[in-house]
Amino acid sequence: MALRRVATALPTGLLEPPLILAMGGVVLVIVLAMMLPIIELNNLVQ
């Protein structure tokens, strides 16, 4: 039983940091997609 826990915990532990970075990248792309048009409109007005 303990071996099975170790066998499933190891890949999960290795995958978590890249998954967190990937989710952060997706959030960054979404935020930039919303902010860039607003900034461009602001620059056009000035």
PDB file of N, CA and C in Angstrom:
ATOM      1  N   MET A   1       0.826  -1.199   0.000  1.00  0.00           N
ATOM      2  CA  MET A   1       0.000   0.000   0.000  1.00  0.00           C
ATOM      3  C   MET A   1       0.867   1.259   0.000  1.00  0.00           C
ATOM      4  N   ALA A   2       1.901   1.262   0.824  1.00  0.00           N
ATOM      5  CA  ALA A   2       2.761   2.442   0.919  1.00  0.00           C
ATOM      6  C   ALA A   2       3.509   2.664  -0.381  1.00  0.00           C
ATOM      7  N   LEU A   3       3.881   1.580  -1.056  1.00  0.00           N
ATOM      8  CA  LEU A   3       4.593   1.713  -2.328  1.00  0.00           C
ATOM      9  C   LEU A   3       3.709   2.380  -3.377  1.00  0.00           C
ATOM     10  N   ARG A   4       2.423   2.041  -3.371  1.00  0.00           N
ATOM     11  CA  ARG A   4       1.500   2.644  -4.328  1.00  0.00           C
ATOM     12  C   ARG A   4       1.373   4.153  -4.077  1.00  0.00           C
ATOM     13  N   ARG A   5       1.328   4.543  -2.787  1.00  0.00           N
ATOM     14  CA  ARG A   5       1.255   5.970  -2.452  1.00  0.00           C
ATOM     15  C   ARG A   5       2.492   6.708  -2.934  1.00  0.00           C
ATOM     16  N   VAL A   6       3.659   6.103  -2.752  1.00  0.00           N
ATOM     17  CA  VAL A   6       4.905   6.720  -3.193  1.00  0.00           C
ATOM     18  C   VAL A   6       4.930   6.783  -4.712  1.00  0.00           C
ATOM     19  N   ALA A   7       4.468   5.743  -5.376  1.00  0.00           N
ATOM     20  CA  ALA A   7       4.487   5.696  -6.837  1.00  0.00           C
ATOM     21  C   ALA A   7       3.566   6.750  -7.447  1.00  0.00           C
ATOM     22  N   THR A   8       2.469   7.080  -6.785  1.00  0.00           N
ATOM     23  CA  THR A   8       1.576   8.100  -7.329  1.00  0.00           C
ATOM     24  C   THR A   8       1.969   9.497  -6.861  1.00  0.00           C
ATOM     25  N   ALA A   9       2.626   9.587  -5.705  1.00  0.00           N
ATOM     26  CA  ALA A   9       3.009  10.906  -5.188  1.00  0.00           C
ATOM     27  C   ALA A   9       4.189  11.473  -5.962  1.00  0.00           C
ATOM     28  N   LEU A  10       5.094  10.636  -6.426  1.00  0.00           N
ATOM     29  CA  LEU A  10       6.290  11.122  -7.108  1.00  0.00           C
ATOM     30  C   LEU A  10       5.947  11.831  -8.421  1.00  0.00           C
ATOM     31  N   PRO A  11       5.193  11.225  -9.345  1.00  0.00           N
ATOM     32  CA  PRO A  11       4.866  11.960 -10.579  1.00  0.00           C
ATOM     33  C   PRO A  11       4.022  13.202 -10.307  1.00  0.00           C
ATOM     34  N   THR A  12       3.129  13.115  -9.348  1.00  0.00           N
ATOM     35  CA  THR A  12       2.299  14.277  -9.025  1.00  0.00           C
ATOM     36  C   THR A  12       3.157  15.411  -8.503  1.00  0.00           C
ATOM     37  N   GLY A  13       4.106  15.100  -7.660  1.00  0.00           N
ATOM     38  CA  GLY A  13       5.001  16.114  -7.116  1.00  0.00           C
ATOM     39  C   GLY A  13       5.874  16.733  -8.193  1.00  0.00           C
ATOM     40  N   LEU A  14       6.244  15.941  -9.193  1.00  0.00           N
ATOM     41  CA  LEU A  14       7.078  16.467 -10.278  1.00  0.00           C
ATOM     42  C   LEU A  14       6.264  17.305 -11.252  1.00  0.00           C
ATOM     43  N   LEU A  15       4.985  17.020 -11.384  1.00  0.00           N
ATOM     44  CA  LEU A  15       4.156  17.737 -12.346  1.00  0.00           C
ATOM     45  C   LEU A  15       3.591  19.040 -11.800  1.00  0.00           C
ATOM     46  N   GLU A  16       3.494  19.160 -10.496  1.00  0.00           N
ATOM     47  CA  GLU A  16       2.857  20.344  -9.930  1.00  0.00           C
ATOM     48  C   GLU A  16       3.545  21.656 -10.279  1.00  0.00           C
ATOM     49  N   PRO A  17       4.857  21.817 -10.105  1.00  0.00           N
ATOM     50  CA  PRO A  17       5.469  23.109 -10.426  1.00  0.00           C
ATOM     51  C   PRO A  17       5.298  23.544 -11.887  1.00  0.00           C
ATOM     52  N   PRO A  18       5.511  22.653 -12.876  1.00  0.00           N
ATOM     53  CA  PRO A  18       5.261  23.094 -14.261  1.00  0.00           C
ATOM     54  C   PRO A  18       3.795  23.448 -14.519  1.00  0.00           C
ATOM     55  N   LEU A  19       2.873  22.722 -13.871  1.00  0.00           N
ATOM     56  CA  LEU A  19       1.458  23.039 -14.048  1.00  0.00           C
ATOM     57  C   LEU A  19       1.127  24.412 -13.475  1.00  0.00           C
ATOM     58  N   ILE A  20       1.711  24.746 -12.330  1.00  0.00           N
ATOM     59  CA  ILE A  20       1.476  26.059 -11.731  1.00  0.00           C
ATOM     60  C   ILE A  20       2.026  27.149 -12.646  1.00  0.00           C
ATOM     61  N   LEU A  21       3.220  26.927 -13.205  1.00  0.00           N
ATOM     62  CA  LEU A  21       3.795  27.908 -14.130  1.00  0.00           C
ATOM     63  C   LEU A  21       2.937  28.043 -15.388  1.00  0.00           C
ATOM     64  N   ALA A  22       2.424  26.927 -15.895  1.00  0.00           N
ATOM     65  CA  ALA A  22       1.584  26.969 -17.091  1.00  0.00           C
ATOM     66  C   ALA A  22       0.288  27.733 -16.819  1.00  0.00           C
ATOM     67  N   MET A  23      -0.313  27.495 -15.669  1.00  0.00           N
ATOM     68  CA  MET A  23      -1.543  28.223 -15.332  1.00  0.00           C
ATOM     69  C   MET A  23      -1.263  29.713 -15.164  1.00  0.00           C
ATOM     70  N   GLY A  24      -0.118  30.041 -14.579  1.00  0.00           N
ATOM     71  CA  GLY A  24       0.267  31.446 -14.471  1.00  0.00           C
ATOM     72  C   GLY A  24       0.446  32.083 -15.838  1.00  0.00           C
ATOM     73  N   GLY A  25       1.031  31.348 -16.777  1.00  0.00           N
ATOM     74  CA  GLY A  25       1.185  31.850 -18.142  1.00  0.00           C
ATOM     75  C   GLY A  25      -0.152  32.084 -18.826  1.00  0.00           C
ATOM     76  N   VAL A  26      -1.096  31.179 -18.613  1.00  0.00           N
ATOM     77  CA  VAL A  26      -2.435  31.352 -19.203  1.00  0.00           C
ATOM     78  C   VAL A  26      -3.108  32.584 -18.629  1.00  0.00           C
ATOM     79  N   VAL A  27      -2.998  32.778 -17.327  1.00  0.00           N
ATOM     80  CA  VAL A  27      -3.593  33.960 -16.691  1.00  0.00           C
ATOM     81  C   VAL A  27      -2.928  35.228 -17.230  1.00  0.00           C
ATOM     82  N   LEU A  28      -1.611  35.202 -17.408  1.00  0.00           N
ATOM     83  CA  LEU A  28      -0.897  36.362 -17.943  1.00  0.00           C
ATOM     84  C   LEU A  28      -1.380  36.705 -19.349  1.00  0.00           C
ATOM     85  N   VAL A  29      -1.567  35.703 -20.185  1.00  0.00           N
ATOM     86  CA  VAL A  29      -2.049  35.940 -21.547  1.00  0.00           C
ATOM     87  C   VAL A  29      -3.450  36.543 -21.519  1.00  0.00           C
ATOM     88  N   ILE A  30      -4.314  36.048 -20.650  1.00  0.00           N
ATOM     89  CA  ILE A  30      -5.680  36.572 -20.563  1.00  0.00           C
ATOM     90  C   ILE A  30      -5.665  38.020 -20.097  1.00  0.00           C
ATOM     91  N   VAL A  31      -4.855  38.320 -19.081  1.00  0.00           N
ATOM     92  CA  VAL A  31      -4.784  39.696 -18.572  1.00  0.00           C
ATOM     93  C   VAL A  31      -4.235  40.636 -19.643  1.00  0.00           C
ATOM     94  N   LEU A  32      -3.195  40.208 -20.347  1.00  0.00           N
ATOM     95  CA  LEU A  32      -2.640  41.050 -21.414  1.00  0.00           C
ATOM     96  C   LEU A  32      -3.650  41.246 -22.545  1.00  0.00           C
ATOM     97  N   ALA A  33      -4.410  40.210 -22.859  1.00  0.00           N
ATOM     98  CA  ALA A  33      -5.414  40.331 -23.914  1.00  0.00           C
ATOM     99  C   ALA A  33      -6.487  41.349 -23.540  1.00  0.00           C
ATOM    100  N   MET A  34      -6.758  41.503 -22.260  1.00  0.00           N
ATOM    101  CA  MET A  34      -7.754  42.491 -21.830  1.00  0.00           C
ATOM    102  C   MET A  34      -7.136  43.882 -21.701  1.00  0.00           C
ATOM    103  N   MET A  35      -5.903  43.971 -21.239  1.00  0.00           N
ATOM    104  CA  MET A  35      -5.296  45.277 -20.947  1.00  0.00           C
ATOM    105  C   MET A  35      -4.753  45.991 -22.181  1.00  0.00           C
ATOM    106  N   LEU A  36      -4.195  45.250 -23.130  1.00  0.00           N
ATOM    107  CA  LEU A  36      -3.572  45.906 -24.278  1.00  0.00           C
ATOM    108  C   LEU A  36      -4.546  46.756 -25.100  1.00  0.00           C
ATOM    109  N   PRO A  37      -5.752  46.290 -25.399  1.00  0.00           N
ATOM    110  CA  PRO A  37      -6.680  47.173 -26.127  1.00  0.00           C
ATOM    111  C   PRO A  37      -7.042  48.435 -25.337  1.00  0.00           C
ATOM    112  N   ILE A  38      -7.167  48.313 -24.029  1.00  0.00           N
ATOM    113  CA  ILE A  38      -7.488  49.477 -23.205  1.00  0.00           C
ATOM    114  C   ILE A  38      -6.351  50.485 -23.263  1.00  0.00           C
ATOM    115  N   ILE A  39      -5.115  50.000 -23.175  1.00  0.00           N
ATOM    116  CA  ILE A  39      -3.962  50.896 -23.234  1.00  0.00           C
ATOM    117  C   ILE A  39      -3.854  51.542 -24.608  1.00  0.00           C
ATOM    118  N   GLU A  40      -4.124  50.779 -25.668  1.00  0.00           N
ATOM    119  CA  GLU A  40      -4.072  51.346 -27.015  1.00  0.00           C
ATOM    120  C   GLU A  40      -5.136  52.426 -27.203  1.00  0.00           C
ATOM    121  N   LEU A  41      -6.331  52.198 -26.687  1.00  0.00           N
ATOM    122  CA  LEU A  41      -7.375  53.227 -26.779  1.00  0.00           C
ATOM    123  C   LEU A  41      -6.966  54.472 -26.008  1.00  0.00           C
ATOM    124  N   ASN A  42      -6.354  54.288 -24.879  1.00  0.00           N
ATOM    125  CA  ASN A  42      -5.892  55.418 -24.082  1.00  0.00           C
ATOM    126  C   ASN A  42      -4.835  56.217 -24.845  1.00  0.00           C
ATOM    127  N   ASN A  43      -3.958  55.535 -25.544  1.00  0.00           N
ATOM    128  CA  ASN A  43      -2.935  56.228 -26.325  1.00  0.00           C
ATOM    129  C   ASN A  43      -3.532  56.953 -27.519  1.00  0.00           C
ATOM    130  N   LEU A  44      -4.601  56.428 -28.095  1.00  0.00           N
ATOM    131  CA  LEU A  44      -5.245  57.094 -29.227  1.00  0.00           C
ATOM    132  C   LEU A  44      -5.924  58.389 -28.794  1.00  0.00           C
ATOM    133  N   VAL A  45      -6.476  58.410 -27.601  1.00  0.00           N
ATOM    134  CA  VAL A  45      -7.181  59.587 -27.106  1.00  0.00           C
ATOM    135  C   VAL A  45      -6.203  60.724 -26.832  1.00  0.00           C
ATOM    136  N   GLN A  46      -5.036  60.408 -26.351  1.00  0.00           N
ATOM    137  CA  GLN A  46      -4.081  61.458 -25.974  1.00  0.00           C
ATOM    138  C   GLN A  46      -3.458  62.117 -27.174  1.00  0.00           C
TER     139      GLN A  46
END
